[in-house]
Amino acid sequence: MKDQPDDFFQIKEDVLLLKTKIVPRSSKDEIRGVEDKVLKIAVSAPPVEGKANKRCISFLADYFGVAPSQVEITSGIKSKNKLIKICGIKPQEFEEKLKETLKDLEFRAKK
């Protein structure tokens, strides 16, 4: 897959690879922005017995409007740093959704 300008993701056709850092035991599930070339994602579940991984998959599936079966952690199962593969999302949809979220984060940070 060809690298995109933003190093935290690669996308080709309908397959998206995301470099992420998961923050478990957060007050809510949310994307917190891009930090050190990874997408920081907070999940409310604790990092025990795969609960944070399951919550991360569920959150990303809801966020991008795909089935949980289309979201897979391909590396980093026992780490905060994970490579996540999402199938069935169009590049334009991904970019629009993420830009909207990151703009909202910037706006809230400026307040």
PDB file of N, CA and C in Angstrom:
ATOM      1  N   MET A   1       0.830  -1.182   0.000  1.00  0.00           N
ATOM      2  CA  MET A   1       0.000   0.000   0.000  1.00  0.00           C
ATOM      3  C   MET A   1       0.878   1.251   0.000  1.00  0.00           C
ATOM      4  N   LYS A   2       0.455   2.226  -0.730  1.00  0.00           N
ATOM      5  CA  LYS A   2       1.199   3.470  -0.828  1.00  0.00           C
ATOM      6  C   LYS A   2       0.969   4.315   0.417  1.00  0.00           C
ATOM      7  N   ASP A   3       2.067   4.872   0.961  1.00  0.00           N
ATOM      8  CA  ASP A   3       1.927   5.750   2.122  1.00  0.00           C
ATOM      9  C   ASP A   3       1.197   7.017   1.735  1.00  0.00           C
ATOM     10  N   GLN A   4       0.366   7.471   2.622  1.00  0.00           N
ATOM     11  CA  GLN A   4      -0.364   8.719   2.457  1.00  0.00           C
ATOM     12  C   GLN A   4       0.450   9.833   3.112  1.00  0.00           C
ATOM     13  N   PRO A   5       0.090  11.088   2.871  1.00  0.00           N
ATOM     14  CA  PRO A   5       0.805  12.195   3.508  1.00  0.00           C
ATOM     15  C   PRO A   5       0.806  12.102   5.034  1.00  0.00           C
ATOM     16  N   ASP A   6      -0.259  11.616   5.608  1.00  0.00           N
ATOM     17  CA  ASP A   6      -0.314  11.428   7.054  1.00  0.00           C
ATOM     18  C   ASP A   6       0.189  10.019   7.342  1.00  0.00           C
ATOM     19  N   ASP A   7       1.264   9.942   8.119  1.00  0.00           N
ATOM     20  CA  ASP A   7       1.921   8.655   8.347  1.00  0.00           C
ATOM     21  C   ASP A   7       1.117   7.670   9.180  1.00  0.00           C
ATOM     22  N   PHE A   8       0.055   8.106   9.842  1.00  0.00           N
ATOM     23  CA  PHE A   8      -0.663   7.205  10.729  1.00  0.00           C
ATOM     24  C   PHE A   8      -1.633   6.292  10.002  1.00  0.00           C
ATOM     25  N   PHE A   9      -1.817   6.474   8.705  1.00  0.00           N
ATOM     26  CA  PHE A   9      -2.707   5.564   7.987  1.00  0.00           C
ATOM     27  C   PHE A   9      -2.220   5.304   6.571  1.00  0.00           C
ATOM     28  N   GLN A  10      -2.651   4.157   6.058  1.00  0.00           N
ATOM     29  CA  GLN A  10      -2.462   3.782   4.659  1.00  0.00           C
ATOM     30  C   GLN A  10      -3.825   3.327   4.166  1.00  0.00           C
ATOM     31  N   ILE A  11      -4.108   3.645   2.915  1.00  0.00           N
ATOM     32  CA  ILE A  11      -5.408   3.245   2.381  1.00  0.00           C
ATOM     33  C   ILE A  11      -5.256   2.880   0.919  1.00  0.00           C
ATOM     34  N   LYS A  12      -5.919   1.796   0.544  1.00  0.00           N
ATOM     35  CA  LYS A  12      -5.938   1.363  -0.850  1.00  0.00           C
ATOM     36  C   LYS A  12      -7.286   0.723  -1.111  1.00  0.00           C
ATOM     37  N   GLU A  13      -7.964   1.249  -2.121  1.00  0.00           N
ATOM     38  CA  GLU A  13      -9.309   0.791  -2.456  1.00  0.00           C
ATOM     39  C   GLU A  13     -10.192   0.884  -1.221  1.00  0.00           C
ATOM     40  N   ASP A  14     -10.632  -0.237  -0.680  1.00  0.00           N
ATOM     41  CA  ASP A  14     -11.515  -0.166   0.493  1.00  0.00           C
ATOM     42  C   ASP A  14     -10.881  -0.767   1.750  1.00  0.00           C
ATOM     43  N   VAL A  15      -9.539  -0.808   1.794  1.00  0.00           N
ATOM     44  CA  VAL A  15      -8.826  -1.326   2.961  1.00  0.00           C
ATOM     45  C   VAL A  15      -8.024  -0.191   3.599  1.00  0.00           C
ATOM     46  N   LEU A  16      -8.249   0.009   4.876  1.00  0.00           N
ATOM     47  CA  LEU A  16      -7.591   1.063   5.638  1.00  0.00           C
ATOM     48  C   LEU A  16      -6.736   0.425   6.717  1.00  0.00           C
ATOM     49  N   LEU A  17      -5.482   0.850   6.827  1.00  0.00           N
ATOM     50  CA  LEU A  17      -4.609   0.432   7.921  1.00  0.00           C
ATOM     51  C   LEU A  17      -4.334   1.651   8.788  1.00  0.00           C
ATOM     52  N   LEU A  18      -4.629   1.546  10.068  1.00  0.00           N
ATOM     53  CA  LEU A  18      -4.445   2.648  11.012  1.00  0.00           C
ATOM     54  C   LEU A  18      -3.395   2.287  12.054  1.00  0.00           C
ATOM     55  N   LYS A  19      -2.422   3.168  12.254  1.00  0.00           N
ATOM     56  CA  LYS A  19      -1.506   3.039  13.380  1.00  0.00           C
ATOM     57  C   LYS A  19      -2.173   3.764  14.538  1.00  0.00           C
ATOM     58  N   THR A  20      -2.386   3.063  15.640  1.00  0.00           N
ATOM     59  CA  THR A  20      -3.129   3.639  16.755  1.00  0.00           C
ATOM     60  C   THR A  20      -2.408   3.468  18.082  1.00  0.00           C
ATOM     61  N   LYS A  21      -2.790   4.308  19.012  1.00  0.00           N
ATOM     62  CA  LYS A  21      -2.418   4.139  20.422  1.00  0.00           C
ATOM     63  C   LYS A  21      -3.734   4.152  21.186  1.00  0.00           C
ATOM     64  N   ILE A  22      -3.994   3.076  21.914  1.00  0.00           N
ATOM     65  CA  ILE A  22      -5.243   2.928  22.637  1.00  0.00           C
ATOM     66  C   ILE A  22      -5.043   3.352  24.093  1.00  0.00           C
ATOM     67  N   VAL A  23      -5.958   4.157  24.578  1.00  0.00           N
ATOM     68  CA  VAL A  23      -5.934   4.609  25.971  1.00  0.00           C
ATOM     69  C   VAL A  23      -7.141   3.972  26.671  1.00  0.00           C
ATOM     70  N   PRO A  24      -6.902   2.885  27.417  1.00  0.00           N
ATOM     71  CA  PRO A  24      -8.015   2.205  28.093  1.00  0.00           C
ATOM     72  C   PRO A  24      -8.459   2.950  29.346  1.00  0.00           C
ATOM     73  N   ARG A  25      -9.584   2.512  29.894  1.00  0.00           N
ATOM     74  CA  ARG A  25     -10.154   3.074  31.133  1.00  0.00           C
ATOM     75  C   ARG A  25     -10.387   4.577  31.030  1.00  0.00           C
ATOM     76  N   SER A  26     -10.802   5.042  29.881  1.00  0.00           N
ATOM     77  CA  SER A  26     -11.114   6.455  29.697  1.00  0.00           C
ATOM     78  C   SER A  26     -12.564   6.708  30.092  1.00  0.00           C
ATOM     79  N   SER A  27     -12.900   7.957  30.284  1.00  0.00           N
ATOM     80  CA  SER A  27     -14.270   8.287  30.684  1.00  0.00           C
ATOM     81  C   SER A  27     -15.269   8.040  29.566  1.00  0.00           C
ATOM     82  N   LYS A  28     -14.799   8.098  28.306  1.00  0.00           N
ATOM     83  CA  LYS A  28     -15.683   7.813  27.174  1.00  0.00           C
ATOM     84  C   LYS A  28     -14.857   7.326  25.989  1.00  0.00           C
ATOM     85  N   ASP A  29     -15.538   6.718  25.042  1.00  0.00           N
ATOM     86  CA  ASP A  29     -14.895   6.250  23.816  1.00  0.00           C
ATOM     87  C   ASP A  29     -14.828   7.428  22.852  1.00  0.00           C
ATOM     88  N   GLU A  30     -13.600   7.728  22.372  1.00  0.00           N
ATOM     89  CA  GLU A  30     -13.457   8.850  21.458  1.00  0.00           C
ATOM     90  C   GLU A  30     -12.102   8.841  20.784  1.00  0.00           C
ATOM     91  N   ILE A  31     -12.020   9.532  19.660  1.00  0.00           N
ATOM     92  CA  ILE A  31     -10.747   9.784  19.008  1.00  0.00           C
ATOM     93  C   ILE A  31     -10.205  11.060  19.625  1.00  0.00           C
ATOM     94  N   ARG A  32      -8.953  11.011  20.055  1.00  0.00           N
ATOM     95  CA  ARG A  32      -8.356  12.163  20.732  1.00  0.00           C
ATOM     96  C   ARG A  32      -7.382  12.936  19.865  1.00  0.00           C
ATOM     97  N   GLY A  33      -7.154  12.470  18.644  1.00  0.00           N
ATOM     98  CA  GLY A  33      -6.271  13.207  17.739  1.00  0.00           C
ATOM     99  C   GLY A  33      -5.102  12.378  17.277  1.00  0.00           C
ATOM    100  N   VAL A  34      -4.195  13.048  16.578  1.00  0.00           N
ATOM    101  CA  VAL A  34      -2.990  12.404  16.062  1.00  0.00           C
ATOM    102  C   VAL A  34      -1.818  12.890  16.896  1.00  0.00           C
ATOM    103  N   GLU A  35      -1.033  11.928  17.381  1.00  0.00           N
ATOM    104  CA  GLU A  35       0.101  12.245  18.238  1.00  0.00           C
ATOM    105  C   GLU A  35       1.242  11.299  17.899  1.00  0.00           C
ATOM    106  N   ASP A  36       2.413  11.832  17.597  1.00  0.00           N
ATOM    107  CA  ASP A  36       3.581  11.016  17.255  1.00  0.00           C
ATOM    108  C   ASP A  36       3.292  10.018  16.135  1.00  0.00           C
ATOM    109  N   LYS A  37       2.592  10.475  15.115  1.00  0.00           N
ATOM    110  CA  LYS A  37       2.280   9.678  13.919  1.00  0.00           C
ATOM    111  C   LYS A  37       1.407   8.463  14.195  1.00  0.00           C
ATOM    112  N   VAL A  38       0.567   8.544  15.240  1.00  0.00           N
ATOM    113  CA  VAL A  38      -0.438   7.516  15.508  1.00  0.00           C
ATOM    114  C   VAL A  38      -1.751   8.203  15.848  1.00  0.00           C
ATOM    115  N   LEU A  39      -2.855   7.516  15.587  1.00  0.00           N
ATOM    116  CA  LEU A  39      -4.177   8.016  15.940  1.00  0.00           C
ATOM    117  C   LEU A  39      -4.475   7.567  17.368  1.00  0.00           C
ATOM    118  N   LYS A  40      -4.669   8.521  18.245  1.00  0.00           N
ATOM    119  CA  LYS A  40      -4.921   8.210  19.653  1.00  0.00           C
ATOM    120  C   LYS A  40      -6.420   8.000  19.857  1.00  0.00           C
ATOM    121  N   ILE A  41      -6.769   6.828  20.392  1.00  0.00           N
ATOM    122  CA  ILE A  41      -8.163   6.443  20.596  1.00  0.00           C
ATOM    123  C   ILE A  41      -8.363   6.070  22.054  1.00  0.00           C
ATOM    124  N   ALA A  42      -9.336   6.707  22.691  1.00  0.00           N
ATOM    125  CA  ALA A  42      -9.679   6.391  24.077  1.00  0.00           C
ATOM    126  C   ALA A  42     -10.856   5.427  24.082  1.00  0.00           C
ATOM    127  N   VAL A  43     -10.769   4.420  24.947  1.00  0.00           N
ATOM    128  CA  VAL A  43     -11.885   3.485  25.126  1.00  0.00           C
ATOM    129  C   VAL A  43     -12.171   3.350  26.612  1.00  0.00           C
ATOM    130  N   SER A  44     -13.428   3.133  26.937  1.00  0.00           N
ATOM    131  CA  SER A  44     -13.844   3.070  28.337  1.00  0.00           C
ATOM    132  C   SER A  44     -13.514   1.737  29.009  1.00  0.00           C
ATOM    133  N   ALA A  45     -13.269   0.716  28.245  1.00  0.00           N
ATOM    134  CA  ALA A  45     -13.027  -0.621  28.802  1.00  0.00           C
ATOM    135  C   ALA A  45     -11.610  -0.744  29.371  1.00  0.00           C
ATOM    136  N   PRO A  46     -11.432  -1.611  30.361  1.00  0.00           N
ATOM    137  CA  PRO A  46     -10.102  -1.852  30.926  1.00  0.00           C
ATOM    138  C   PRO A  46      -9.308  -2.818  30.031  1.00  0.00           C
ATOM    139  N   PRO A  47      -7.978  -2.775  30.156  1.00  0.00           N
ATOM    140  CA  PRO A  47      -7.142  -3.651  29.335  1.00  0.00           C
ATOM    141  C   PRO A  47      -6.977  -5.042  29.935  1.00  0.00           C
ATOM    142  N   VAL A  48      -8.075  -5.696  30.243  1.00  0.00           N
ATOM    143  CA  VAL A  48      -8.025  -7.049  30.800  1.00  0.00           C
ATOM    144  C   VAL A  48      -8.911  -7.969  29.968  1.00  0.00           C
ATOM    145  N   GLU A  49      -8.422  -9.177  29.767  1.00  0.00           N
ATOM    146  CA  GLU A  49      -9.180 -10.210  29.053  1.00  0.00           C
ATOM    147  C   GLU A  49      -9.698  -9.730  27.687  1.00  0.00           C
ATOM    148  N   GLY A  50      -8.949  -8.868  27.027  1.00  0.00           N
ATOM    149  CA  GLY A  50      -9.316  -8.414  25.685  1.00  0.00           C
ATOM    150  C   GLY A  50     -10.460  -7.416  25.627  1.00  0.00           C
ATOM    151  N   LYS A  51     -10.896  -6.914  26.784  1.00  0.00           N
ATOM    152  CA  LYS A  51     -12.049  -6.005  26.801  1.00  0.00           C
ATOM    153  C   LYS A  51     -11.770  -4.695  26.071  1.00  0.00           C
ATOM    154  N   ALA A  52     -10.590  -4.123  26.257  1.00  0.00           N
ATOM    155  CA  ALA A  52     -10.256  -2.869  25.567  1.00  0.00           C
ATOM    156  C   ALA A  52     -10.172  -3.100  24.059  1.00  0.00           C
ATOM    157  N   ASN A  53      -9.623  -4.231  23.641  1.00  0.00           N
ATOM    158  CA  ASN A  53      -9.550  -4.545  22.210  1.00  0.00           C
ATOM    159  C   ASN A  53     -10.956  -4.674  21.609  1.00  0.00           C
ATOM    160  N   LYS A  54     -11.828  -5.380  22.304  1.00  0.00           N
ATOM    161  CA  LYS A  54     -13.202  -5.543  21.815  1.00  0.00           C
ATOM    162  C   LYS A  54     -13.920  -4.205  21.728  1.00  0.00           C
ATOM    163  N   ARG A  55     -13.725  -3.360  22.732  1.00  0.00           N
ATOM    164  CA  ARG A  55     -14.375  -2.047  22.734  1.00  0.00           C
ATOM    165  C   ARG A  55     -13.819  -1.179  21.613  1.00  0.00           C
ATOM    166  N   CYS A  56     -12.525  -1.269  21.375  1.00  0.00           N
ATOM    167  CA  CYS A  56     -11.892  -0.512  20.292  1.00  0.00           C
ATOM    168  C   CYS A  56     -12.481  -0.927  18.946  1.00  0.00           C
ATOM    169  N   ILE A  57     -12.617  -2.212  18.716  1.00  0.00           N
ATOM    170  CA  ILE A  57     -13.196  -2.718  17.466  1.00  0.00           C
ATOM    171  C   ILE A  57     -14.628  -2.230  17.312  1.00  0.00           C
ATOM    172  N   SER A  58     -15.405  -2.337  18.370  1.00  0.00           N
ATOM    173  CA  SER A  58     -16.795  -1.900  18.333  1.00  0.00           C
ATOM    174  C   SER A  58     -16.893  -0.397  18.075  1.00  0.00           C
ATOM    175  N   PHE A  59     -16.072   0.389  18.760  1.00  0.00           N
ATOM    176  CA  PHE A  59     -16.078   1.839  18.583  1.00  0.00           C
ATOM    177  C   PHE A  59     -15.730   2.223  17.145  1.00  0.00           C
ATOM    178  N   LEU A  60     -14.660   1.640  16.611  1.00  0.00           N
ATOM    179  CA  LEU A  60     -14.248   1.980  15.238  1.00  0.00           C
ATOM    180  C   LEU A  60     -15.278   1.530  14.213  1.00  0.00           C
ATOM    181  N   ALA A  61     -15.899   0.392  14.438  1.00  0.00           N
ATOM    182  CA  ALA A  61     -16.958  -0.063  13.530  1.00  0.00           C
ATOM    183  C   ALA A  61     -18.114   0.937  13.522  1.00  0.00           C
ATOM    184  N   ASP A  62     -18.547   1.363  14.694  1.00  0.00           N
ATOM    185  CA  ASP A  62     -19.613   2.371  14.789  1.00  0.00           C
ATOM    186  C   ASP A  62     -19.185   3.687  14.158  1.00  0.00           C
ATOM    187  N   TYR A  63     -17.981   4.121  14.465  1.00  0.00           N
ATOM    188  CA  TYR A  63     -17.460   5.406  13.991  1.00  0.00           C
ATOM    189  C   TYR A  63     -17.436   5.473  12.455  1.00  0.00           C
ATOM    190  N   PHE A  64     -16.954   4.389  11.838  1.00  0.00           N
ATOM    191  CA  PHE A  64     -16.823   4.370  10.379  1.00  0.00           C
ATOM    192  C   PHE A  64     -18.018   3.749   9.667  1.00  0.00           C
ATOM    193  N   GLY A  65     -19.000   3.269  10.424  1.00  0.00           N
ATOM    194  CA  GLY A  65     -20.195   2.723   9.807  1.00  0.00           C
ATOM    195  C   GLY A  65     -19.985   1.405   9.085  1.00  0.00           C
ATOM    196  N   VAL A  66     -19.159   0.552   9.669  1.00  0.00           N
ATOM    197  CA  VAL A  66     -18.925  -0.782   9.109  1.00  0.00           C
ATOM    198  C   VAL A  66     -19.277  -1.823  10.173  1.00  0.00           C
ATOM    199  N   ALA A  67     -19.348  -3.065   9.770  1.00  0.00           N
ATOM    200  CA  ALA A  67     -19.618  -4.154  10.717  1.00  0.00           C
ATOM    201  C   ALA A  67     -18.368  -4.441  11.552  1.00  0.00           C
ATOM    202  N   PRO A  68     -18.531  -4.840  12.809  1.00  0.00           N
ATOM    203  CA  PRO A  68     -17.364  -5.189  13.632  1.00  0.00           C
ATOM    204  C   PRO A  68     -16.479  -6.258  12.980  1.00  0.00           C
ATOM    205  N   SER A  69     -17.059  -7.126  12.185  1.00  0.00           N
ATOM    206  CA  SER A  69     -16.269  -8.163  11.509  1.00  0.00           C
ATOM    207  C   SER A  69     -15.317  -7.576  10.457  1.00  0.00           C
ATOM    208  N   GLN A  70     -15.521  -6.310  10.089  1.00  0.00           N
ATOM    209  CA  GLN A  70     -14.659  -5.655   9.106  1.00  0.00           C
ATOM    210  C   GLN A  70     -13.495  -4.918   9.765  1.00  0.00           C
ATOM    211  N   VAL A  71     -13.420  -4.958  11.090  1.00  0.00           N
ATOM    212  CA  VAL A  71     -12.351  -4.297  11.847  1.00  0.00           C
ATOM    213  C   VAL A  71     -11.508  -5.384  12.508  1.00  0.00           C
ATOM    214  N   GLU A  72     -10.203  -5.327  12.272  1.00  0.00           N
ATOM    215  CA  GLU A  72      -9.311  -6.366  12.800  1.00  0.00           C
ATOM    216  C   GLU A  72      -8.034  -5.738  13.332  1.00  0.00           C
ATOM    217  N   ILE A  73      -7.631  -6.146  14.514  1.00  0.00           N
ATOM    218  CA  ILE A  73      -6.338  -5.730  15.058  1.00  0.00           C
ATOM    219  C   ILE A  73      -5.307  -6.690  14.479  1.00  0.00           C
ATOM    220  N   THR A  74      -4.429  -6.183  13.614  1.00  0.00           N
ATOM    221  CA  THR A  74      -3.478  -7.064  12.936  1.00  0.00           C
ATOM    222  C   THR A  74      -2.165  -7.210  13.684  1.00  0.00           C
ATOM    223  N   SER A  75      -1.849  -6.248  14.551  1.00  0.00           N
ATOM    224  CA  SER A  75      -0.675  -6.396  15.423  1.00  0.00           C
ATOM    225  C   SER A  75      -0.867  -5.533  16.660  1.00  0.00           C
ATOM    226  N   GLY A  76      -0.229  -5.956  17.748  1.00  0.00           N
ATOM    227  CA  GLY A  76      -0.306  -5.214  18.997  1.00  0.00           C
ATOM    228  C   GLY A  76      -1.451  -5.626  19.899  1.00  0.00           C
ATOM    229  N   ILE A  77      -1.879  -6.856  19.816  1.00  0.00           N
ATOM    230  CA  ILE A  77      -3.008  -7.337  20.629  1.00  0.00           C
ATOM    231  C   ILE A  77      -2.796  -7.041  22.119  1.00  0.00           C
ATOM    232  N   LYS A  78      -1.573  -7.199  22.603  1.00  0.00           N
ATOM    233  CA  LYS A  78      -1.300  -6.989  24.032  1.00  0.00           C
ATOM    234  C   LYS A  78      -0.562  -5.673  24.300  1.00  0.00           C
ATOM    235  N   SER A  79      -0.606  -4.772  23.353  1.00  0.00           N
ATOM    236  CA  SER A  79       0.092  -3.500  23.459  1.00  0.00           C
ATOM    237  C   SER A  79      -0.892  -2.347  23.303  1.00  0.00           C
ATOM    238  N   LYS A  80      -0.507  -1.171  23.784  1.00  0.00           N
ATOM    239  CA  LYS A  80      -1.329   0.015  23.543  1.00  0.00           C
ATOM    240  C   LYS A  80      -1.216   0.448  22.089  1.00  0.00           C
ATOM    241  N   ASN A  81      -0.072   0.169  21.480  1.00  0.00           N
ATOM    242  CA  ASN A  81       0.153   0.515  20.075  1.00  0.00           C
ATOM    243  C   ASN A  81      -0.308  -0.636  19.199  1.00  0.00           C
ATOM    244  N   LYS A  82      -1.245  -0.335  18.313  1.00  0.00           N
ATOM    245  CA  LYS A  82      -1.854  -1.377  17.492  1.00  0.00           C
ATOM    246  C   LYS A  82      -1.907  -0.950  16.036  1.00  0.00           C
ATOM    247  N   LEU A  83      -1.860  -1.921  15.156  1.00  0.00           N
ATOM    248  CA  LEU A  83      -2.137  -1.705  13.747  1.00  0.00           C
ATOM    249  C   LEU A  83      -3.515  -2.310  13.504  1.00  0.00           C
ATOM    250  N   ILE A  84      -4.436  -1.476  13.038  1.00  0.00           N
ATOM    251  CA  ILE A  84      -5.818  -1.908  12.865  1.00  0.00           C
ATOM    252  C   ILE A  84      -6.196  -1.827  11.390  1.00  0.00           C
ATOM    253  N   LYS A  85      -6.775  -2.911  10.901  1.00  0.00           N
ATOM    254  CA  LYS A  85      -7.223  -3.009   9.508  1.00  0.00           C
ATOM    255  C   LYS A  85      -8.741  -2.880   9.478  1.00  0.00           C
ATOM    256  N   ILE A  86      -9.223  -1.979   8.618  1.00  0.00           N
ATOM    257  CA  ILE A  86     -10.662  -1.794   8.456  1.00  0.00           C
ATOM    258  C   ILE A  86     -10.993  -1.975   6.981  1.00  0.00           C
ATOM    259  N   CYS A  87     -11.883  -2.891   6.689  1.00  0.00           N
ATOM    260  CA  CYS A  87     -12.284  -3.174   5.310  1.00  0.00           C
ATOM    261  C   CYS A  87     -13.659  -2.560   5.036  1.00  0.00           C
ATOM    262  N   GLY A  88     -13.898  -2.241   3.783  1.00  0.00           N
ATOM    263  CA  GLY A  88     -15.223  -1.791   3.377  1.00  0.00           C
ATOM    264  C   GLY A  88     -15.474  -0.306   3.545  1.00  0.00           C
ATOM    265  N   ILE A  89     -14.423   0.474   3.667  1.00  0.00           N
ATOM    266  CA  ILE A  89     -14.602   1.920   3.781  1.00  0.00           C
ATOM    267  C   ILE A  89     -13.948   2.602   2.578  1.00  0.00           C
ATOM    268  N   LYS A  90     -14.639   3.560   2.011  1.00  0.00           N
ATOM    269  CA  LYS A  90     -14.116   4.286   0.852  1.00  0.00           C
ATOM    270  C   LYS A  90     -13.141   5.359   1.338  1.00  0.00           C
ATOM    271  N   PRO A  91     -12.042   5.554   0.613  1.00  0.00           N
ATOM    272  CA  PRO A  91     -11.044   6.542   1.031  1.00  0.00           C
ATOM    273  C   PRO A  91     -11.637   7.922   1.306  1.00  0.00           C
ATOM    274  N   GLN A  92     -12.526   8.375   0.471  1.00  0.00           N
ATOM    275  CA  GLN A  92     -13.109   9.700   0.635  1.00  0.00           C
ATOM    276  C   GLN A  92     -13.937   9.780   1.926  1.00  0.00           C
ATOM    277  N   GLU A  93     -14.690   8.724   2.217  1.00  0.00           N
ATOM    278  CA  GLU A  93     -15.499   8.694   3.436  1.00  0.00           C
ATOM    279  C   GLU A  93     -14.611   8.744   4.682  1.00  0.00           C
ATOM    280  N   PHE A  94     -13.530   7.976   4.655  1.00  0.00           N
ATOM    281  CA  PHE A  94     -12.593   7.958   5.779  1.00  0.00           C
ATOM    282  C   PHE A  94     -12.007   9.346   6.001  1.00  0.00           C
ATOM    283  N   GLU A  95     -11.493   9.944   4.942  1.00  0.00           N
ATOM    284  CA  GLU A  95     -10.838  11.242   5.061  1.00  0.00           C
ATOM    285  C   GLU A  95     -11.804  12.327   5.535  1.00  0.00           C
ATOM    286  N   GLU A  96     -13.022  12.328   5.001  1.00  0.00           N
ATOM    287  CA  GLU A  96     -14.014  13.323   5.421  1.00  0.00           C
ATOM    288  C   GLU A  96     -14.370  13.162   6.894  1.00  0.00           C
ATOM    289  N   LYS A  97     -14.612  11.947   7.317  1.00  0.00           N
ATOM    290  CA  LYS A  97     -14.996  11.669   8.703  1.00  0.00           C
ATOM    291  C   LYS A  97     -13.882  12.079   9.663  1.00  0.00           C
ATOM    292  N   LEU A  98     -12.659  11.691   9.329  1.00  0.00           N
ATOM    293  CA  LEU A  98     -11.541  11.988  10.214  1.00  0.00           C
ATOM    294  C   LEU A  98     -11.233  13.484  10.238  1.00  0.00           C
ATOM    295  N   LYS A  99     -11.273  14.144   9.105  1.00  0.00           N
ATOM    296  CA  LYS A  99     -11.036  15.598   9.067  1.00  0.00           C
ATOM    297  C   LYS A  99     -12.059  16.327   9.926  1.00  0.00           C
ATOM    298  N   GLU A 100     -13.303  15.910   9.853  1.00  0.00           N
ATOM    299  CA  GLU A 100     -14.374  16.512  10.656  1.00  0.00           C
ATOM    300  C   GLU A 100     -14.067  16.356  12.147  1.00  0.00           C
ATOM    301  N   THR A 101     -13.663  15.165  12.549  1.00  0.00           N
ATOM    302  CA  THR A 101     -13.349  14.901  13.951  1.00  0.00           C
ATOM    303  C   THR A 101     -12.148  15.720  14.409  1.00  0.00           C
ATOM    304  N   LEU A 102     -11.085  15.751  13.602  1.00  0.00           N
ATOM    305  CA  LEU A 102      -9.875  16.481  13.988  1.00  0.00           C
ATOM    306  C   LEU A 102     -10.126  17.987  14.042  1.00  0.00           C
ATOM    307  N   LYS A 103     -10.952  18.523  13.136  1.00  0.00           N
ATOM    308  CA  LYS A 103     -11.311  19.949  13.187  1.00  0.00           C
ATOM    309  C   LYS A 103     -12.072  20.253  14.467  1.00  0.00           C
ATOM    310  N   ASP A 104     -12.986  19.360  14.849  1.00  0.00           N
ATOM    311  CA  ASP A 104     -13.750  19.544  16.077  1.00  0.00           C
ATOM    312  C   ASP A 104     -12.819  19.525  17.292  1.00  0.00           C
ATOM    313  N   LEU A 105     -11.831  18.644  17.290  1.00  0.00           N
ATOM    314  CA  LEU A 105     -10.871  18.584  18.394  1.00  0.00           C
ATOM    315  C   LEU A 105     -10.071  19.883  18.496  1.00  0.00           C
ATOM    316  N   GLU A 106      -9.638  20.416  17.347  1.00  0.00           N
ATOM    317  CA  GLU A 106      -8.903  21.684  17.326  1.00  0.00           C
ATOM    318  C   GLU A 106      -9.770  22.814  17.862  1.00  0.00           C
ATOM    319  N   PHE A 107     -11.031  22.846  17.435  1.00  0.00           N
ATOM    320  CA  PHE A 107     -11.955  23.884  17.865  1.00  0.00           C
ATOM    321  C   PHE A 107     -12.137  23.838  19.392  1.00  0.00           C
ATOM    322  N   ARG A 108     -12.344  22.633  19.920  1.00  0.00           N
ATOM    323  CA  ARG A 108     -12.530  22.496  21.375  1.00  0.00           C
ATOM    324  C   ARG A 108     -11.269  22.864  22.133  1.00  0.00           C
ATOM    325  N   ALA A 109     -10.098  22.570  21.574  1.00  0.00           N
ATOM    326  CA  ALA A 109      -8.839  22.891  22.242  1.00  0.00           C
ATOM    327  C   ALA A 109      -8.603  24.405  22.310  1.00  0.00           C
ATOM    328  N   LYS A 110      -9.114  25.127  21.335  1.00  0.00           N
ATOM    329  CA  LYS A 110      -8.928  26.589  21.299  1.00  0.00           C
ATOM    330  C   LYS A 110      -9.840  27.316  22.269  1.00  0.00           C
ATOM    331  N   LYS A 111     -10.897  26.667  22.722  1.00  0.00           N
ATOM    332  CA  LYS A 111     -11.847  27.320  23.643  1.00  0.00           C
ATOM    333  C   LYS A 111     -11.241  27.532  25.001  1.00  0.00           C
TER     334      LYS A 111
END
